[in-house]
């Protein structure tokens, strides 16, 4: 076989390879699989955050109702750790790590305060320095019940690089309102906050 025939055979083989569609689906899936799986994981994590927030809110509301109906009038100012372990943790579902939950519960005398005047005490910054005691108040007192749970971030790509204050830096180079620096270690967490404001039932 001369060199002309060999060159023609090579050109024919290359042409058949270029026209072949065998394995095209596998190559195309490989190109889109990484962003597709990333989006799928992001959807699952977002759903888990919403589910956890709903469960946490439910626990706060259930315990707050016990405070409202004066279940704790025998000891209206327990330590935060005792109230957390004995009253709040049993109300949480098992998938929430209660050892990482922080509470901040304060009561206000209605003779000197009203709902408008206590609104300034509702915020997010308290979790850096919460009170060591919780004040459940007396019958008729206004109570601000705040709780914080740092939920782990399982998909780190959801967190922008770097930090901005206490929160992760969002896409607009500002502090995120939902992803915070982990108060119990390195990295970031989903900040799960829940607040209930109510007036204890009178005697």
Protein backbone atom coordinates (compact mmCIF):
# COMPACT_ATOMS: atom_id res chain seq x y z
CA UNK A 1 0.00 0.00 0.00
CA UNK A 2 1.47 3.29 -1.06
CA UNK A 3 1.50 6.51 0.97
CA UNK A 4 -1.43 7.96 -0.97
CA UNK A 5 -3.68 5.05 0.00
CA UNK A 6 -2.59 5.25 3.66
CA UNK A 7 -3.33 8.99 3.75
CA UNK A 8 -6.77 8.39 2.27
CA UNK A 9 -7.55 5.69 4.84
CA UNK A 10 -6.51 8.01 7.67
CA UNK A 11 -8.72 10.81 6.32
CA UNK A 12 -11.59 8.36 6.05
CA UNK A 13 -11.13 7.18 9.65
CA UNK A 14 -11.00 10.75 10.94
CA UNK A 15 -14.14 11.60 8.98
CA UNK A 16 -16.01 8.62 10.42
CA UNK A 17 -14.87 9.62 13.93
CA UNK A 18 -16.08 13.20 13.43
CA UNK A 19 -19.47 12.01 12.18
CA UNK A 20 -19.96 9.35 14.86
CA UNK A 21 -22.67 10.02 17.47
CA UNK A 22 -21.81 7.07 19.72
CA UNK A 23 -21.40 8.28 23.33
CA UNK A 24 -22.69 11.79 22.61
CA UNK A 25 -25.29 11.55 25.37
CA UNK A 26 -22.63 10.56 27.92
CA UNK A 27 -20.42 13.49 26.94
CA UNK A 28 -23.32 15.95 27.07
CA UNK A 29 -24.43 14.67 30.49
CA UNK A 30 -20.88 14.97 31.80
CA UNK A 31 -20.90 18.64 30.75
CA UNK A 32 -24.14 19.47 32.61
CA UNK A 33 -23.97 17.01 35.51
CA UNK A 34 -21.88 19.17 37.87
CA UNK A 35 -24.14 22.28 37.74
CA UNK A 36 -27.24 20.05 37.76
CA UNK A 37 -26.15 18.12 40.87
CA UNK A 38 -25.06 21.38 42.53
CA UNK A 39 -28.49 22.91 41.91
CA UNK A 40 -30.17 19.75 43.21
CA UNK A 41 -28.12 19.83 46.42
CA UNK A 42 -28.85 23.54 46.87
CA UNK A 43 -32.59 22.86 46.56
CA UNK A 44 -32.40 20.09 49.17
CA UNK A 45 -30.39 22.25 51.59
CA UNK A 46 -32.74 25.21 51.17
CA UNK A 47 -35.70 22.94 51.87
CA UNK A 48 -33.94 21.57 54.96
CA UNK A 49 -33.28 25.10 56.25
CA UNK A 50 -36.96 26.01 55.82
CA UNK A 51 -38.07 22.77 57.50
CA UNK A 52 -35.67 23.31 60.41
CA UNK A 53 -36.82 26.91 60.82
CA UNK A 54 -40.46 25.82 60.92
CA UNK A 55 -39.70 23.12 63.52
CA UNK A 56 -37.70 25.60 65.62
CA UNK A 57 -40.49 28.18 65.45
CA UNK A 58 -42.97 25.54 66.54
CA UNK A 59 -40.85 24.63 69.59
CA UNK A 60 -40.50 28.31 70.56
CA UNK A 61 -44.26 28.84 70.26
CA UNK A 62 -45.05 25.74 72.33
CA UNK A 63 -42.69 26.70 75.17
CA UNK A 64 -43.77 30.36 74.99
CA UNK A 65 -47.36 29.26 75.52
CA UNK A 66 -46.33 27.46 78.71
CA UNK A 67 -44.75 30.68 79.91
CA UNK A 68 -47.85 32.65 78.90
CA UNK A 69 -50.19 30.48 80.98
CA UNK A 70 -47.90 30.85 84.02
CA UNK A 71 -46.49 27.31 84.12
CA UNK A 72 -43.23 28.64 85.56
CA UNK A 73 -44.38 31.16 88.15
CA UNK A 74 -42.70 29.13 90.90
CA UNK A 75 -39.32 30.16 89.48
CA UNK A 76 -39.66 33.16 87.18
CA UNK A 77 -35.89 33.71 86.75
CA UNK A 78 -34.15 30.35 86.19
CA UNK A 79 -30.67 30.19 84.72
CA UNK A 80 -30.61 30.04 80.94
CA UNK A 81 -28.83 26.67 80.98
CA UNK A 82 -31.39 25.07 83.32
CA UNK A 83 -34.37 26.41 81.39
CA UNK A 84 -32.80 25.29 78.13
CA UNK A 85 -32.08 21.75 79.34
CA UNK A 86 -35.27 21.15 81.31
CA UNK A 87 -37.94 23.10 79.43
CA UNK A 88 -36.82 24.01 75.92
CA UNK A 89 -34.76 21.03 74.73
CA UNK A 90 -37.57 18.47 75.29
CA UNK A 91 -39.74 20.51 72.91
CA UNK A 92 -37.20 20.30 70.06
CA UNK A 93 -37.15 17.57 67.40
CA UNK A 94 -34.22 15.17 67.58
CA UNK A 95 -32.48 16.49 64.45
CA UNK A 96 -31.80 19.86 66.12
CA UNK A 97 -28.71 19.88 68.35
CA UNK A 98 -30.04 21.56 71.48
CA UNK A 99 -26.55 22.00 72.94
CA UNK A 100 -25.96 24.75 70.37
CA UNK A 101 -29.22 26.62 71.00
CA UNK A 102 -29.05 30.03 72.71
CA UNK A 103 -31.98 31.66 74.51
CA UNK A 104 -32.62 35.26 75.51
CA UNK A 105 -35.89 35.71 77.44
CA UNK A 106 -36.73 38.95 79.21
CA UNK A 107 -39.88 40.23 80.91
CA UNK A 108 -41.15 43.78 81.39
CA UNK A 109 -43.51 45.21 83.97
CA UNK A 110 -46.63 46.48 82.18
CA UNK A 111 -46.92 49.36 84.65
CA UNK A 112 -43.73 50.87 83.23
CA UNK A 113 -43.55 49.31 79.73
CA UNK A 114 -45.81 48.53 76.79
CA UNK A 115 -45.37 46.60 73.57
CA UNK A 116 -44.09 49.67 71.72
CA UNK A 117 -41.43 50.41 74.31
CA UNK A 118 -40.06 46.84 74.35
CA UNK A 119 -39.85 46.57 70.55
CA UNK A 120 -36.30 47.95 70.67
CA UNK A 121 -35.14 44.85 72.55
CA UNK A 122 -35.99 42.61 69.60
CA UNK A 123 -33.04 42.03 67.31
CA UNK A 124 -30.25 39.64 66.34
CA UNK A 125 -27.11 40.96 67.98
CA UNK A 126 -27.98 39.54 71.41
CA UNK A 127 -26.76 36.05 70.48
CA UNK A 128 -23.16 37.24 70.88
CA UNK A 129 -23.76 38.06 74.57
CA UNK A 130 -27.03 36.52 75.77
CA UNK A 131 -28.15 36.89 79.39
CA UNK A 132 -27.17 34.11 81.79
CA UNK A 133 -30.65 34.11 83.35
CA UNK A 134 -34.01 34.06 81.61
CA UNK A 135 -36.72 36.30 83.03
CA UNK A 136 -40.13 34.67 82.58
CA UNK A 137 -41.89 37.45 84.42
CA UNK A 138 -44.97 37.41 86.60
CA UNK A 139 -48.64 37.15 85.62
CA UNK A 140 -49.51 40.08 83.37
CA UNK A 141 -45.89 40.83 82.38
CA UNK A 142 -44.79 41.37 78.76
CA UNK A 143 -42.27 38.71 77.71
CA UNK A 144 -39.83 38.79 74.78
CA UNK A 145 -38.81 35.19 74.01
CA UNK A 146 -35.86 34.96 71.57
CA UNK A 147 -34.01 31.83 70.46
CA UNK A 148 -31.10 31.17 68.10
CA UNK A 149 -29.90 27.94 66.49
CA UNK A 150 -26.73 27.79 64.31
CA UNK A 151 -27.65 25.17 61.72
CA UNK A 152 -24.66 23.63 59.91
CA UNK A 153 -24.03 24.58 56.28
CA UNK A 154 -23.76 21.30 54.39
CA UNK A 155 -23.16 22.72 50.92
CA UNK A 156 -20.35 25.23 51.28
CA UNK A 157 -20.87 26.62 47.76
CA UNK A 158 -23.97 28.37 49.13
CA UNK A 159 -21.68 30.62 51.18
CA UNK A 160 -19.85 33.42 49.41
CA UNK A 161 -16.11 33.66 50.06
CA UNK A 162 -15.00 35.60 53.11
CA UNK A 163 -16.82 37.32 55.93
CA UNK A 164 -18.48 40.66 56.48
CA UNK A 165 -18.83 41.45 60.17
CA UNK A 166 -20.59 38.59 61.94
CA UNK A 167 -22.07 37.27 58.73
CA UNK A 168 -20.85 35.75 55.53
CA UNK A 169 -20.22 38.18 52.68
CA UNK A 170 -23.17 38.03 50.31
CA UNK A 171 -23.05 38.58 46.55
CA UNK A 172 -23.44 42.34 47.06
CA UNK A 173 -20.40 42.52 49.38
CA UNK A 174 -22.65 43.11 52.37
CA UNK A 175 -23.30 41.06 55.48
CA UNK A 176 -25.64 38.13 54.96
CA UNK A 177 -28.82 38.08 57.04
CA UNK A 178 -29.09 34.30 56.97
CA UNK A 179 -25.54 32.90 57.08
CA UNK A 180 -23.42 33.81 60.11
CA UNK A 181 -19.95 33.09 61.37
CA UNK A 182 -20.13 29.91 63.45
CA UNK A 183 -20.24 30.91 67.16
CA UNK A 184 -19.11 27.40 68.15
CA UNK A 185 -16.18 26.98 65.76
CA UNK A 186 -14.82 27.75 62.31
CA UNK A 187 -16.79 28.34 59.14
CA UNK A 188 -20.37 29.53 58.73
CA UNK A 189 -23.83 28.40 59.79
CA UNK A 190 -27.41 29.07 58.77
CA UNK A 191 -28.72 31.53 61.37
CA UNK A 192 -32.08 30.23 62.61
CA UNK A 193 -33.78 32.91 64.74
CA UNK A 194 -37.21 32.73 66.31
CA UNK A 195 -39.00 35.35 68.40
CA UNK A 196 -42.28 35.36 70.33
CA UNK A 197 -43.64 38.44 72.10
CA UNK A 198 -46.64 38.04 74.38
CA UNK A 199 -48.23 39.07 77.66
CA UNK A 200 -48.53 36.53 80.44
CA UNK A 201 -52.05 35.71 81.51
CA UNK A 202 -53.12 37.54 84.66
CA UNK A 203 -53.82 35.64 87.83
